[in-house]
Amino acid sequence: MLENILQNNAETLLFLGMIVALIFAALMEGIFPRRAQSGDLGYRWGNNISLMILNQVNLGVVTFAVSTLVAWWGEEENIGLLRGVDLGLFPLLLIAILVLEFVSYWFHRALHTFPRLWRLHAVHHSDTEVDFTTTYRNHPCELYVNVPLTVPVIMLMGFPVEVVVLYQVIKSSISIFAHSNTRLPEKLDAVLRYFIITPDFHRIHHSSDRKYTDSHFSEAFPVWDYLFGTTSKIPYAQHESMQLGLEYFRGKKDGRLDKLLLRPFIWKRERNKEMSGRPKTA
């Protein structure tokens, strides 16, 4: 029965899951805030939410639709390593989590490694505060790089539609929570971060210090960060004062929607313009 519900209501379930997760994260931030928000919150939220809406259209049309269609087509054509293997929904979900998080982990590392990809991903990292609205502050073109990597894996493995849908709902919900400005008790966070990405665990990734930015690449489950040794640690008390965002593009206008959309394509000009405006040092 659960399989039928997931298959027949895929896009609705993903959308509802996202809305519930966003509301939950917003409530948690309001009740248990981790950091005092600096700057013009309304301005940030306006631009972040505008980009989020744009990305949701993009996400639905490109990522989710393509991945579920490929999973459905694979079922029809009996393509994939796991086709015909009667493991049950939850064992297949566990395999999907391990495999797709592995792909996501290395894609995320690539975004930080290759300059042209970093120009796209820097849109996400340029937010000078991190909260639930940061989750979907991504350049739309990132999806067009991600999909050609993820979809063939779904086809090769032969994950059923219901497994892909359930994974997407779980992943997006955890990602929204991980970006939230929520304070968890230190002892709870210390345990929970071994199983899912917590707000403190992910906030380190949004530090303006590049040695921390280039760590914590997992999206929802931290298993591959631990296995590949890409975790970092910042003392619990320092999270309230650590600088987030990038060391550049920190002005208010830098967070404007049109700037975020154009920046990857005018990167050198923007960086040169910013550097020329800095005071000279001896």
Protein backbone atom coordinates (compact mmCIF):
# COMPACT_ATOMS: atom_id res chain seq x y z
CA MET A 1 0.00 0.00 0.00
CA LEU A 2 2.80 2.43 0.91
CA GLU A 3 4.51 1.69 -2.40
CA ASN A 4 1.33 2.59 -4.31
CA ILE A 5 0.90 5.84 -2.39
CA LEU A 6 4.50 6.84 -3.11
CA GLN A 7 4.24 5.94 -6.79
CA ASN A 8 0.93 7.67 -7.46
CA ASN A 9 1.50 10.85 -5.44
CA ALA A 10 5.20 11.48 -5.98
CA GLU A 11 5.29 15.23 -6.69
CA THR A 12 2.56 15.99 -4.14
CA LEU A 13 4.42 14.12 -1.40
CA LEU A 14 7.70 15.87 -2.17
CA PHE A 15 6.03 19.29 -2.16
CA LEU A 16 4.13 18.60 1.09
CA GLY A 17 7.27 17.20 2.70
CA MET A 18 9.17 20.35 1.80
CA ILE A 19 6.42 22.64 3.14
CA VAL A 20 6.14 20.72 6.42
CA ALA A 21 9.93 20.73 6.83
CA LEU A 22 10.14 24.48 6.13
CA ILE A 23 7.40 25.25 8.65
CA PHE A 24 9.02 22.99 11.24
CA ALA A 25 12.44 24.59 10.70
CA ALA A 26 10.98 28.11 10.90
CA LEU A 27 9.24 27.26 14.18
CA MET A 28 12.39 25.70 15.63
CA GLU A 29 14.41 28.79 14.70
CA GLY A 30 11.86 31.04 16.35
CA ILE A 31 11.69 29.01 19.56
CA PHE A 32 15.32 27.85 19.83
CA PRO A 33 17.49 30.32 17.86
CA ARG A 34 21.19 29.46 17.65
CA ARG A 35 22.54 32.83 16.52
CA ALA A 36 21.31 36.42 16.56
CA GLN A 37 20.50 37.27 12.94
CA SER A 38 22.54 40.21 11.66
CA GLY A 39 21.74 42.57 8.81
CA ASP A 40 18.40 43.15 7.09
CA LEU A 41 16.50 39.90 7.67
CA GLY A 42 13.57 40.89 5.44
CA TYR A 43 15.91 41.74 2.56
CA ARG A 44 17.77 38.43 2.89
CA TRP A 45 14.60 36.40 3.13
CA GLY A 46 13.03 38.20 0.18
CA ASN A 47 15.93 37.35 -2.12
CA ASN A 48 16.42 33.84 -0.74
CA ILE A 49 12.74 32.95 -1.02
CA SER A 50 12.58 34.39 -4.55
CA LEU A 51 15.47 32.14 -5.54
CA MET A 52 13.84 29.24 -3.68
CA ILE A 53 10.62 29.63 -5.70
CA LEU A 54 12.61 29.73 -8.92
CA ASN A 55 14.53 26.64 -7.87
CA GLN A 56 11.39 24.73 -6.89
CA VAL A 57 10.04 25.12 -10.42
CA ASN A 58 13.43 24.03 -11.73
CA LEU A 59 13.63 21.19 -9.21
CA GLY A 60 10.21 19.84 -10.06
CA VAL A 61 10.66 20.01 -13.82
CA VAL A 62 14.25 18.84 -14.03
CA THR A 63 15.50 16.84 -11.07
CA PHE A 64 12.47 15.19 -9.56
CA ALA A 65 10.54 14.61 -12.77
CA VAL A 66 13.54 13.19 -14.63
CA SER A 67 14.69 10.94 -11.77
CA THR A 68 11.23 9.50 -11.15
CA LEU A 69 10.58 9.05 -14.88
CA VAL A 70 13.88 7.22 -15.25
CA ALA A 71 13.02 5.00 -12.27
CA TRP A 72 9.59 4.30 -13.79
CA TRP A 73 11.09 3.59 -17.23
CA GLY A 74 13.65 1.26 -15.66
CA GLU A 75 10.83 -0.68 -14.03
CA GLU A 76 8.95 -0.96 -17.32
CA GLU A 77 12.06 -2.15 -19.18
CA ASN A 78 13.40 -4.21 -16.26
CA ILE A 79 16.73 -2.34 -16.25
CA GLY A 80 19.01 -2.16 -13.22
CA LEU A 81 21.12 -4.27 -10.89
CA LEU A 82 18.37 -4.55 -8.26
CA ARG A 83 15.50 -5.42 -10.61
CA GLY A 84 13.85 -8.64 -9.55
CA VAL A 85 15.64 -8.70 -6.20
CA ASP A 86 12.97 -8.98 -3.51
CA LEU A 87 14.52 -7.00 -0.67
CA GLY A 88 11.54 -4.94 0.46
CA LEU A 89 11.08 -1.18 0.58
CA PHE A 90 13.27 -0.27 3.55
CA PRO A 91 16.36 -2.36 2.70
CA LEU A 92 16.21 -0.83 -0.79
CA LEU A 93 15.85 2.62 0.78
CA LEU A 94 18.97 2.01 2.88
CA ILE A 95 20.92 1.01 -0.23
CA ALA A 96 19.61 4.08 -2.07
CA ILE A 97 20.69 6.33 0.80
CA LEU A 98 24.22 4.93 0.78
CA VAL A 99 24.61 5.02 -3.01
CA LEU A 100 22.92 8.35 -3.75
CA GLU A 101 24.55 10.09 -0.79
CA PHE A 102 27.90 8.80 -2.10
CA VAL A 103 27.19 10.41 -5.48
CA SER A 104 25.96 13.59 -3.78
CA TYR A 105 29.05 13.72 -1.56
CA TRP A 106 31.48 13.59 -4.49
CA PHE A 107 29.42 16.00 -6.56
CA HIS A 108 29.52 18.44 -3.65
CA ARG A 109 33.28 18.04 -3.37
CA ALA A 110 33.59 18.73 -7.10
CA LEU A 111 31.62 21.96 -6.64
CA HIS A 112 34.30 23.09 -4.19
CA THR A 113 37.24 21.83 -6.27
CA PHE A 114 36.70 23.05 -9.82
CA PRO A 115 36.63 26.85 -10.25
CA ARG A 116 33.79 26.99 -12.78
CA LEU A 117 31.61 24.79 -10.61
CA TRP A 118 32.54 26.81 -7.53
CA ARG A 119 31.24 29.97 -9.23
CA LEU A 120 27.81 28.32 -9.35
CA HIS A 121 27.97 26.91 -5.83
CA ALA A 122 29.30 30.15 -4.33
CA VAL A 123 25.78 31.57 -4.70
CA HIS A 124 24.74 29.20 -1.91
CA HIS A 125 27.76 29.97 0.25
CA SER A 126 27.56 33.74 -0.13
CA ASP A 127 24.68 33.99 2.35
CA THR A 128 26.13 35.83 5.35
CA GLU A 129 23.71 34.10 7.72
CA VAL A 130 22.39 30.55 7.51
CA ASP A 131 18.77 29.67 8.17
CA PHE A 132 16.00 27.63 6.59
CA THR A 133 15.78 30.06 3.65
CA THR A 134 19.41 29.28 2.75
CA THR A 135 18.51 25.68 1.87
CA TYR A 136 17.35 26.48 -1.65
CA ARG A 137 19.60 29.48 -2.23
CA ASN A 138 21.28 27.66 -5.11
CA HIS A 139 22.02 28.78 -8.62
CA PRO A 140 19.50 27.09 -10.96
CA CYS A 141 22.30 25.87 -13.24
CA GLU A 142 23.65 23.61 -10.49
CA LEU A 143 20.79 21.22 -11.20
CA TYR A 144 21.81 20.88 -14.83
CA VAL A 145 25.21 19.61 -13.70
CA ASN A 146 23.79 17.38 -10.97
CA VAL A 147 21.07 15.58 -12.95
CA PRO A 148 23.35 13.97 -15.59
CA LEU A 149 25.38 12.45 -12.73
CA THR A 150 22.53 11.26 -10.51
CA VAL A 151 20.02 9.93 -13.05
CA PRO A 152 22.32 7.30 -14.64
CA VAL A 153 23.06 5.93 -11.15
CA ILE A 154 19.34 5.57 -10.44
CA MET A 155 18.96 3.71 -13.74
CA LEU A 156 22.03 1.51 -13.21
CA MET A 157 20.99 0.50 -9.71
CA GLY A 158 17.36 -0.02 -10.67
CA PHE A 159 15.85 1.80 -7.70
CA PRO A 160 12.02 1.63 -7.77
CA VAL A 161 10.03 4.87 -8.05
CA GLU A 162 8.78 4.64 -4.46
CA VAL A 163 12.36 4.36 -3.14
CA VAL A 164 13.49 7.41 -5.13
CA VAL A 165 10.48 9.41 -3.90
CA LEU A 166 10.99 8.43 -0.26
CA TYR A 167 14.70 9.21 -0.43
CA GLN A 168 14.01 12.65 -1.95
CA VAL A 169 11.47 13.50 0.77
CA ILE A 170 13.82 12.40 3.56
CA LYS A 171 16.84 14.14 2.04
CA SER A 172 15.08 17.47 1.47
CA SER A 173 13.57 17.43 4.98
CA ILE A 174 16.93 16.79 6.66
CA SER A 175 18.64 19.38 4.46
CA ILE A 176 16.12 22.06 5.45
CA PHE A 177 16.59 21.23 9.13
CA ALA A 178 20.39 21.19 8.73
CA HIS A 179 20.35 24.74 7.35
CA SER A 180 18.05 26.06 10.07
CA ASN A 181 19.28 28.48 12.71
CA THR A 182 18.26 26.05 15.44
CA ARG A 183 19.98 25.47 18.76
CA LEU A 184 20.20 21.83 19.82
CA PRO A 185 21.54 20.89 23.26
CA GLU A 186 25.26 20.19 22.95
CA LYS A 187 25.00 16.57 24.12
CA LEU A 188 22.09 15.83 21.79
CA ASP A 189 23.93 17.33 18.82
CA ALA A 190 27.06 15.33 19.68
CA VAL A 191 25.10 12.09 19.30
CA LEU A 192 22.68 13.05 16.53
CA ARG A 193 25.42 14.24 14.15
CA TYR A 194 26.60 10.64 13.73
CA PHE A 195 23.27 9.75 12.12
CA ILE A 196 21.99 12.86 10.31
CA ILE A 197 23.34 16.29 9.40
CA THR A 198 22.55 18.63 12.29
CA PRO A 199 22.45 22.45 12.11
CA ASP A 200 25.76 22.81 13.98
CA PHE A 201 27.41 20.11 11.85
CA HIS A 202 26.40 21.85 8.63
CA ARG A 203 27.00 25.40 9.85
CA ILE A 204 30.72 24.63 9.94
CA HIS A 205 30.52 24.08 6.17
CA HIS A 206 29.19 27.64 5.83
CA SER A 207 32.09 29.23 7.69
CA SER A 208 33.89 31.95 5.74
CA ASP A 209 37.18 30.22 6.64
CA ARG A 210 37.93 28.07 3.58
CA LYS A 211 39.47 25.23 5.62
CA TYR A 212 36.04 24.70 7.19
CA THR A 213 34.10 25.45 4.00
CA ASP A 214 35.95 22.59 2.32
CA SER A 215 34.65 20.01 4.78
CA HIS A 216 31.28 18.48 5.73
CA PHE A 217 30.16 17.70 2.17
CA SER A 218 27.37 15.25 3.01
CA GLU A 219 23.82 16.38 2.23
CA ALA A 220 21.64 14.49 4.71
CA PHE A 221 23.59 11.62 6.25
CA PRO A 222 27.21 12.17 7.36
CA VAL A 223 28.49 8.63 6.75
CA TRP A 224 30.78 9.54 3.84
CA ASP A 225 32.27 12.55 5.64
CA TYR A 226 33.30 10.26 8.48
CA LEU A 227 34.63 7.55 6.18
CA PHE A 228 36.62 9.96 4.00
CA GLY A 229 37.87 12.08 6.91
CA THR A 230 36.27 15.35 5.83
CA THR A 231 34.79 16.39 9.16
CA SER A 232 35.91 19.44 11.12
CA LYS A 233 35.08 20.67 14.59
CA ILE A 234 34.40 24.12 15.98
CA PRO A 235 33.72 24.46 19.73
CA TYR A 236 30.02 24.62 20.57
CA ALA A 237 30.22 28.15 22.02
CA GLN A 238 31.99 29.59 18.95
CA HIS A 239 29.04 28.92 16.63
CA GLU A 240 27.36 32.08 17.89
CA SER A 241 30.22 34.35 16.82
CA MET A 242 31.79 32.58 13.82
CA GLN A 243 31.65 34.47 10.52
CA LEU A 244 29.47 32.80 7.91
CA GLY A 245 29.39 33.26 4.15
CA LEU A 246 32.43 34.03 2.02
CA GLU A 247 35.37 36.34 2.57
CA TYR A 248 34.07 38.29 -0.43
CA PHE A 249 30.65 39.30 -1.81
CA ARG A 250 29.52 40.36 1.65
CA GLY A 251 27.73 43.61 0.78
CA LYS A 252 23.97 43.97 0.96
CA LYS A 253 23.64 44.38 -2.82
CA ASP A 254 25.66 41.19 -3.33
CA GLY A 255 22.67 39.23 -2.01
CA ARG A 256 20.21 40.71 -4.50
CA LEU A 257 18.44 38.18 -6.72
CA ASP A 258 19.73 39.51 -10.05
CA LYS A 259 23.28 39.58 -8.68
CA LEU A 260 22.99 35.97 -7.51
CA LEU A 261 21.73 34.80 -10.90
CA LEU A 262 24.34 36.68 -12.94
CA ARG A 263 27.38 36.25 -10.71
CA PRO A 264 28.73 32.94 -12.11
CA PHE A 265 28.83 34.50 -15.58
CA ILE A 266 30.45 37.81 -14.58
CA TRP A 267 32.60 36.36 -11.80
CA LYS A 268 35.95 37.88 -12.80
CA ARG A 269 34.49 41.33 -13.32
CA GLU A 270 32.72 41.23 -9.95
CA ARG A 271 35.82 39.99 -8.11
CA ASN A 272 38.04 42.59 -9.78
CA LYS A 273 35.54 45.31 -8.96
CA GLU A 274 35.46 44.24 -5.33
CA MET A 275 39.25 44.01 -5.02
CA SER A 276 39.71 47.47 -6.54
CA GLY A 277 37.44 48.92 -3.88
CA ARG A 278 39.49 47.58 -0.98
CA PRO A 279 41.96 49.86 0.82
CA LYS A 280 45.57 49.24 -0.09
CA THR A 281 47.77 47.68 2.58
CA ALA A 282 51.48 48.00 3.00
